[in-house]
Each structure stands twice: as structure tokens, then as C-alpha cells.
Amino acid sequence: QNYMRESNVTIVENAMYEGGAAGYKVVVGNKKVEIVNEPFIPAGKAWCVDTSKFEFHTTDITFADEQDANVFVRMENYPRYRALLVQYCNLICSNPGGCVEIQNCVA
């Protein structure tokens, strides 16, 4: 934020994100860039990612087999059954070299 003020960067709008992250959108050259204060980034570091390069791939939700047993297993001492559902996911980046970590950032 101090850098933004000192560099006279134009803040276009403030933004709030799911999970509690806060940020703002700024104009850099001819592009609008989002700056997010994310609580999960380690102190003293900044991460730069182009989220348009990420794709989220998932499989269909299916039942998990447990040790060659039936998908539905009766719960002991209860007239109920349980089953485990699984879904596998991959987050794939088409340009992983475009993700940057800046270290020794001064707060």
C-alpha cells in the first residue's frame, strides 16, 4: 500500500473476496491488475500469479471401494449405512514460469 501511494498508482476500486481476503484493482500501464492481501502468503513475501492461466480439472463424483467390500457399509449398532464419495481434482497452469515469488518484502 505504501508503494502504491509513493508511486502514484491509480486505484480503480476496492475488492473483497471469499475467505476474508481484501484487495484493490489498480491500473498499471494499459492493464487492470488486482492486488490482494491474502492471509496465507508468508510474511515478507509477495506472490504474483496470472489466474487466467490456471485451469481446474475434476473427475466425476463416484463411490470409493473399501478393501473389496460393498460400496454401502452398515454402521455397527445402527440401522444405517454409510458410503464414501470421492472426486479427484487437478489445478493445472499453462504457464507455471509466469508465477513469481518476491522475497524480503518490507511491510
N, C-alpha and C. Protein backbone atom coordinates (compact mmCIF):
# COMPACT_ATOMS: atom_id res chain seq x y z
N GLN A 1 0.83 -1.19 0.00
CA GLN A 1 0.00 0.00 0.00
C GLN A 1 0.87 1.25 0.00
N ASN A 2 1.95 1.21 0.78
CA ASN A 2 2.84 2.37 0.79
C ASN A 2 3.46 2.59 -0.58
N TYR A 3 3.87 1.49 -1.24
CA TYR A 3 4.44 1.60 -2.58
C TYR A 3 3.43 2.20 -3.55
N MET A 4 2.16 1.79 -3.43
CA MET A 4 1.13 2.30 -4.32
C MET A 4 0.97 3.83 -4.14
N ARG A 5 1.00 4.26 -2.89
CA ARG A 5 0.86 5.70 -2.61
C ARG A 5 2.07 6.48 -3.15
N GLU A 6 3.28 5.95 -2.87
CA GLU A 6 4.51 6.64 -3.29
C GLU A 6 4.66 6.68 -4.80
N SER A 7 4.15 5.65 -5.50
CA SER A 7 4.31 5.56 -6.95
C SER A 7 3.17 6.21 -7.72
N ASN A 8 2.21 6.78 -7.01
CA ASN A 8 1.05 7.41 -7.63
C ASN A 8 0.30 6.46 -8.56
N VAL A 9 0.13 5.22 -8.13
CA VAL A 9 -0.62 4.24 -8.90
C VAL A 9 -2.10 4.52 -8.67
N THR A 10 -2.88 4.49 -9.73
CA THR A 10 -4.31 4.79 -9.65
C THR A 10 -5.07 3.57 -9.17
N ILE A 11 -5.73 3.69 -8.02
CA ILE A 11 -6.57 2.62 -7.51
C ILE A 11 -7.95 2.79 -8.12
N VAL A 12 -8.41 1.76 -8.84
CA VAL A 12 -9.68 1.85 -9.56
C VAL A 12 -10.84 1.54 -8.63
N GLU A 13 -10.74 0.42 -7.88
CA GLU A 13 -11.82 0.05 -6.97
C GLU A 13 -11.30 -0.90 -5.89
N ASN A 14 -11.96 -0.90 -4.74
CA ASN A 14 -11.66 -1.84 -3.67
C ASN A 14 -12.39 -3.15 -3.94
N ALA A 15 -11.86 -4.24 -3.39
CA ALA A 15 -12.49 -5.55 -3.62
C ALA A 15 -12.41 -6.40 -2.37
N MET A 16 -13.46 -7.18 -2.14
CA MET A 16 -13.49 -8.17 -1.05
C MET A 16 -13.69 -9.53 -1.69
N TYR A 17 -13.01 -10.56 -1.18
CA TYR A 17 -13.06 -11.89 -1.76
C TYR A 17 -13.56 -12.89 -0.73
N GLU A 18 -14.05 -14.03 -1.23
CA GLU A 18 -14.47 -15.10 -0.33
C GLU A 18 -13.28 -15.56 0.49
N GLY A 19 -13.51 -15.90 1.74
CA GLY A 19 -12.44 -16.37 2.60
C GLY A 19 -11.79 -15.25 3.40
N GLY A 20 -12.22 -14.00 3.22
CA GLY A 20 -11.71 -12.91 4.05
C GLY A 20 -10.60 -12.09 3.43
N ALA A 21 -10.15 -12.41 2.24
CA ALA A 21 -9.08 -11.63 1.62
C ALA A 21 -9.64 -10.29 1.14
N ALA A 22 -8.82 -9.26 1.22
CA ALA A 22 -9.20 -7.94 0.75
C ALA A 22 -8.16 -7.44 -0.23
N GLY A 23 -8.56 -6.57 -1.12
CA GLY A 23 -7.61 -6.05 -2.09
C GLY A 23 -8.19 -4.88 -2.84
N TYR A 24 -7.52 -4.55 -3.94
CA TYR A 24 -8.00 -3.47 -4.79
C TYR A 24 -7.48 -3.69 -6.20
N LYS A 25 -8.15 -3.05 -7.14
CA LYS A 25 -7.77 -3.14 -8.54
C LYS A 25 -7.09 -1.83 -8.92
N VAL A 26 -5.95 -1.94 -9.60
CA VAL A 26 -5.19 -0.77 -9.99
C VAL A 26 -4.92 -0.82 -11.49
N VAL A 27 -4.60 0.33 -12.06
CA VAL A 27 -4.23 0.41 -13.46
C VAL A 27 -2.71 0.51 -13.55
N VAL A 28 -2.11 -0.46 -14.27
CA VAL A 28 -0.66 -0.47 -14.48
C VAL A 28 -0.45 -0.48 -15.99
N GLY A 29 0.06 0.62 -16.52
CA GLY A 29 0.17 0.74 -17.98
C GLY A 29 -1.22 0.77 -18.58
N ASN A 30 -1.51 -0.20 -19.44
CA ASN A 30 -2.85 -0.26 -20.05
C ASN A 30 -3.64 -1.45 -19.54
N LYS A 31 -3.20 -2.06 -18.42
CA LYS A 31 -3.89 -3.22 -17.87
C LYS A 31 -4.41 -2.94 -16.47
N LYS A 32 -5.54 -3.59 -16.14
CA LYS A 32 -6.07 -3.53 -14.79
C LYS A 32 -5.54 -4.75 -14.04
N VAL A 33 -4.91 -4.53 -12.89
CA VAL A 33 -4.28 -5.59 -12.10
C VAL A 33 -4.93 -5.63 -10.73
N GLU A 34 -5.17 -6.85 -10.21
CA GLU A 34 -5.73 -7.00 -8.88
C GLU A 34 -4.61 -7.23 -7.87
N ILE A 35 -4.61 -6.47 -6.80
CA ILE A 35 -3.66 -6.62 -5.70
C ILE A 35 -4.47 -7.15 -4.52
N VAL A 36 -4.08 -8.32 -3.98
CA VAL A 36 -4.86 -8.96 -2.92
C VAL A 36 -3.97 -9.16 -1.70
N ASN A 37 -4.48 -8.78 -0.53
CA ASN A 37 -3.81 -9.04 0.72
C ASN A 37 -4.34 -10.37 1.24
N GLU A 38 -3.63 -11.44 0.95
CA GLU A 38 -4.07 -12.80 1.27
C GLU A 38 -3.40 -13.26 2.56
N PRO A 39 -4.17 -13.70 3.57
CA PRO A 39 -3.57 -14.07 4.85
C PRO A 39 -2.70 -15.33 4.80
N PHE A 40 -2.75 -16.12 3.73
CA PHE A 40 -1.99 -17.36 3.67
C PHE A 40 -0.61 -17.20 3.03
N ILE A 41 -0.27 -16.01 2.54
CA ILE A 41 1.05 -15.76 1.98
C ILE A 41 2.00 -15.50 3.14
N PRO A 42 3.15 -16.18 3.18
CA PRO A 42 4.09 -15.98 4.29
C PRO A 42 4.54 -14.52 4.42
N ALA A 43 4.81 -14.12 5.64
CA ALA A 43 5.26 -12.74 5.89
C ALA A 43 6.56 -12.47 5.15
N GLY A 44 6.70 -11.27 4.62
CA GLY A 44 7.91 -10.88 3.92
C GLY A 44 7.98 -11.37 2.48
N LYS A 45 6.89 -11.93 1.96
CA LYS A 45 6.88 -12.43 0.59
C LYS A 45 5.68 -11.88 -0.16
N ALA A 46 5.80 -11.83 -1.47
CA ALA A 46 4.70 -11.46 -2.35
C ALA A 46 4.64 -12.48 -3.47
N TRP A 47 3.45 -12.95 -3.79
CA TRP A 47 3.26 -13.91 -4.88
C TRP A 47 2.54 -13.22 -6.02
N CYS A 48 3.01 -13.41 -7.22
CA CYS A 48 2.40 -12.84 -8.42
C CYS A 48 1.97 -13.98 -9.32
N VAL A 49 0.68 -14.07 -9.59
CA VAL A 49 0.14 -15.14 -10.44
C VAL A 49 -0.84 -14.55 -11.44
N ASP A 50 -0.88 -15.18 -12.60
CA ASP A 50 -1.86 -14.82 -13.63
C ASP A 50 -2.94 -15.89 -13.57
N THR A 51 -4.03 -15.60 -12.87
CA THR A 51 -5.06 -16.61 -12.64
C THR A 51 -5.76 -17.02 -13.93
N SER A 52 -5.63 -16.25 -14.98
CA SER A 52 -6.25 -16.65 -16.25
C SER A 52 -5.53 -17.84 -16.88
N LYS A 53 -4.32 -18.15 -16.40
CA LYS A 53 -3.54 -19.27 -16.92
C LYS A 53 -3.82 -20.57 -16.18
N PHE A 54 -4.67 -20.55 -15.16
CA PHE A 54 -4.98 -21.75 -14.38
C PHE A 54 -6.28 -22.38 -14.86
N GLU A 55 -6.28 -23.71 -14.91
CA GLU A 55 -7.48 -24.47 -15.25
C GLU A 55 -7.71 -25.50 -14.16
N PHE A 56 -8.96 -25.69 -13.79
CA PHE A 56 -9.34 -26.63 -12.74
C PHE A 56 -10.03 -27.82 -13.39
N HIS A 57 -9.41 -29.00 -13.31
CA HIS A 57 -9.97 -30.21 -13.91
C HIS A 57 -10.43 -31.14 -12.80
N THR A 58 -11.63 -31.71 -12.96
CA THR A 58 -12.16 -32.63 -11.96
C THR A 58 -12.69 -33.89 -12.63
N THR A 59 -12.75 -34.95 -11.85
CA THR A 59 -13.40 -36.17 -12.30
C THR A 59 -14.83 -36.16 -11.78
N ASP A 60 -15.63 -37.09 -12.27
CA ASP A 60 -16.99 -37.22 -11.75
C ASP A 60 -16.95 -37.72 -10.31
N ILE A 61 -17.98 -37.41 -9.55
CA ILE A 61 -18.09 -37.92 -8.19
C ILE A 61 -18.51 -39.38 -8.27
N THR A 62 -17.74 -40.24 -7.60
CA THR A 62 -18.04 -41.68 -7.60
C THR A 62 -17.93 -42.22 -6.19
N PHE A 63 -18.36 -43.45 -6.01
CA PHE A 63 -18.23 -44.12 -4.72
C PHE A 63 -16.84 -44.74 -4.61
N ALA A 64 -16.26 -44.68 -3.41
CA ALA A 64 -14.96 -45.30 -3.16
C ALA A 64 -15.18 -46.73 -2.68
N ASP A 65 -14.40 -47.64 -3.23
CA ASP A 65 -14.45 -49.03 -2.77
C ASP A 65 -13.50 -49.19 -1.60
N GLU A 66 -13.95 -49.90 -0.57
CA GLU A 66 -13.10 -50.15 0.59
C GLU A 66 -12.76 -51.63 0.67
N GLN A 67 -11.53 -51.97 0.37
CA GLN A 67 -10.99 -53.33 0.53
C GLN A 67 -11.93 -54.38 -0.04
N ASP A 68 -12.30 -54.21 -1.29
CA ASP A 68 -13.16 -55.17 -2.00
C ASP A 68 -14.51 -55.38 -1.31
N ALA A 69 -14.96 -54.45 -0.52
CA ALA A 69 -16.25 -54.56 0.16
C ALA A 69 -17.31 -53.86 -0.68
N ASN A 70 -18.54 -54.01 -0.29
CA ASN A 70 -19.64 -53.33 -0.93
C ASN A 70 -19.48 -51.82 -0.72
N VAL A 71 -20.01 -51.02 -1.62
CA VAL A 71 -19.93 -49.57 -1.50
C VAL A 71 -20.65 -49.09 -0.25
N PHE A 72 -21.80 -49.69 0.05
CA PHE A 72 -22.56 -49.31 1.23
C PHE A 72 -22.20 -50.25 2.38
N VAL A 73 -21.75 -49.69 3.50
CA VAL A 73 -21.33 -50.47 4.66
C VAL A 73 -22.27 -50.14 5.82
N ARG A 74 -22.75 -51.18 6.48
CA ARG A 74 -23.67 -50.96 7.59
C ARG A 74 -22.89 -50.45 8.80
N MET A 75 -23.42 -49.43 9.45
CA MET A 75 -22.79 -48.88 10.65
C MET A 75 -23.14 -49.78 11.83
N GLU A 76 -22.11 -50.14 12.57
CA GLU A 76 -22.29 -51.07 13.69
C GLU A 76 -23.25 -50.51 14.74
N ASN A 77 -24.20 -51.33 15.19
CA ASN A 77 -25.19 -50.98 16.23
C ASN A 77 -26.22 -49.94 15.77
N TYR A 78 -26.29 -49.66 14.47
CA TYR A 78 -27.25 -48.70 13.95
C TYR A 78 -27.92 -49.28 12.70
N PRO A 79 -29.18 -48.96 12.48
CA PRO A 79 -29.85 -49.41 11.26
C PRO A 79 -29.57 -48.43 10.09
N ARG A 80 -28.30 -48.06 9.94
CA ARG A 80 -27.89 -47.12 8.90
C ARG A 80 -26.72 -47.68 8.11
N TYR A 81 -26.58 -47.13 6.91
CA TYR A 81 -25.47 -47.49 6.05
C TYR A 81 -24.68 -46.23 5.73
N ARG A 82 -23.43 -46.42 5.41
CA ARG A 82 -22.61 -45.27 5.02
C ARG A 82 -21.88 -45.63 3.72
N ALA A 83 -21.50 -44.60 3.00
CA ALA A 83 -20.73 -44.76 1.77
C ALA A 83 -19.79 -43.56 1.64
N LEU A 84 -18.67 -43.78 1.02
CA LEU A 84 -17.68 -42.72 0.85
C LEU A 84 -17.68 -42.28 -0.61
N LEU A 85 -17.90 -40.98 -0.82
CA LEU A 85 -17.85 -40.40 -2.17
C LEU A 85 -16.48 -39.77 -2.39
N VAL A 86 -15.96 -39.89 -3.61
CA VAL A 86 -14.66 -39.30 -3.94
C VAL A 86 -14.76 -38.50 -5.23
N GLN A 87 -13.93 -37.48 -5.31
CA GLN A 87 -13.78 -36.71 -6.54
C GLN A 87 -12.34 -36.22 -6.56
N TYR A 88 -11.64 -36.49 -7.65
CA TYR A 88 -10.25 -36.08 -7.79
C TYR A 88 -10.17 -34.80 -8.62
N CYS A 89 -9.23 -33.93 -8.24
CA CYS A 89 -9.11 -32.63 -8.90
C CYS A 89 -7.65 -32.32 -9.19
N ASN A 90 -7.42 -31.57 -10.24
CA ASN A 90 -6.10 -31.07 -10.59
C ASN A 90 -6.21 -29.59 -10.93
N LEU A 91 -5.28 -28.80 -10.41
CA LEU A 91 -5.16 -27.40 -10.78
C LEU A 91 -3.95 -27.31 -11.71
N ILE A 92 -4.18 -26.98 -12.98
CA ILE A 92 -3.12 -27.01 -13.98
C ILE A 92 -2.87 -25.59 -14.48
N CYS A 93 -1.58 -25.24 -14.53
CA CYS A 93 -1.18 -23.91 -15.01
C CYS A 93 -0.52 -24.07 -16.38
N SER A 94 -1.01 -23.34 -17.38
CA SER A 94 -0.44 -23.43 -18.72
C SER A 94 0.89 -22.67 -18.83
N ASN A 95 1.21 -21.84 -17.85
CA ASN A 95 2.48 -21.09 -17.87
C ASN A 95 3.03 -21.01 -16.45
N PRO A 96 3.52 -22.15 -15.88
CA PRO A 96 4.00 -22.10 -14.49
C PRO A 96 5.20 -21.18 -14.28
N GLY A 97 5.96 -20.90 -15.33
CA GLY A 97 7.08 -19.96 -15.21
C GLY A 97 6.62 -18.52 -15.03
N GLY A 98 5.33 -18.27 -15.26
CA GLY A 98 4.80 -16.93 -15.09
C GLY A 98 4.40 -16.60 -13.67
N CYS A 99 4.48 -17.59 -12.77
CA CYS A 99 4.20 -17.38 -11.35
C CYS A 99 5.50 -16.96 -10.67
N VAL A 100 5.43 -15.90 -9.89
CA VAL A 100 6.63 -15.29 -9.32
C VAL A 100 6.48 -15.17 -7.82
N GLU A 101 7.57 -15.39 -7.08
CA GLU A 101 7.60 -15.12 -5.65
C GLU A 101 8.68 -14.07 -5.40
N ILE A 102 8.31 -12.99 -4.75
CA ILE A 102 9.25 -11.94 -4.38
C ILE A 102 9.53 -12.09 -2.90
N GLN A 103 10.80 -12.19 -2.53
CA GLN A 103 11.19 -12.40 -1.14
C GLN A 103 11.72 -11.10 -0.54
N ASN A 104 11.77 -11.08 0.79
CA ASN A 104 12.30 -9.95 1.56
C ASN A 104 11.53 -8.66 1.30
N CYS A 105 10.21 -8.77 1.20
CA CYS A 105 9.36 -7.58 1.07
C CYS A 105 9.28 -6.88 2.41
N VAL A 106 9.37 -5.59 2.41
CA VAL A 106 9.30 -4.81 3.64
C VAL A 106 7.85 -4.40 3.85
N ALA A 107 7.33 -4.66 5.06
CA ALA A 107 5.95 -4.32 5.36
C ALA A 107 5.81 -2.86 5.67
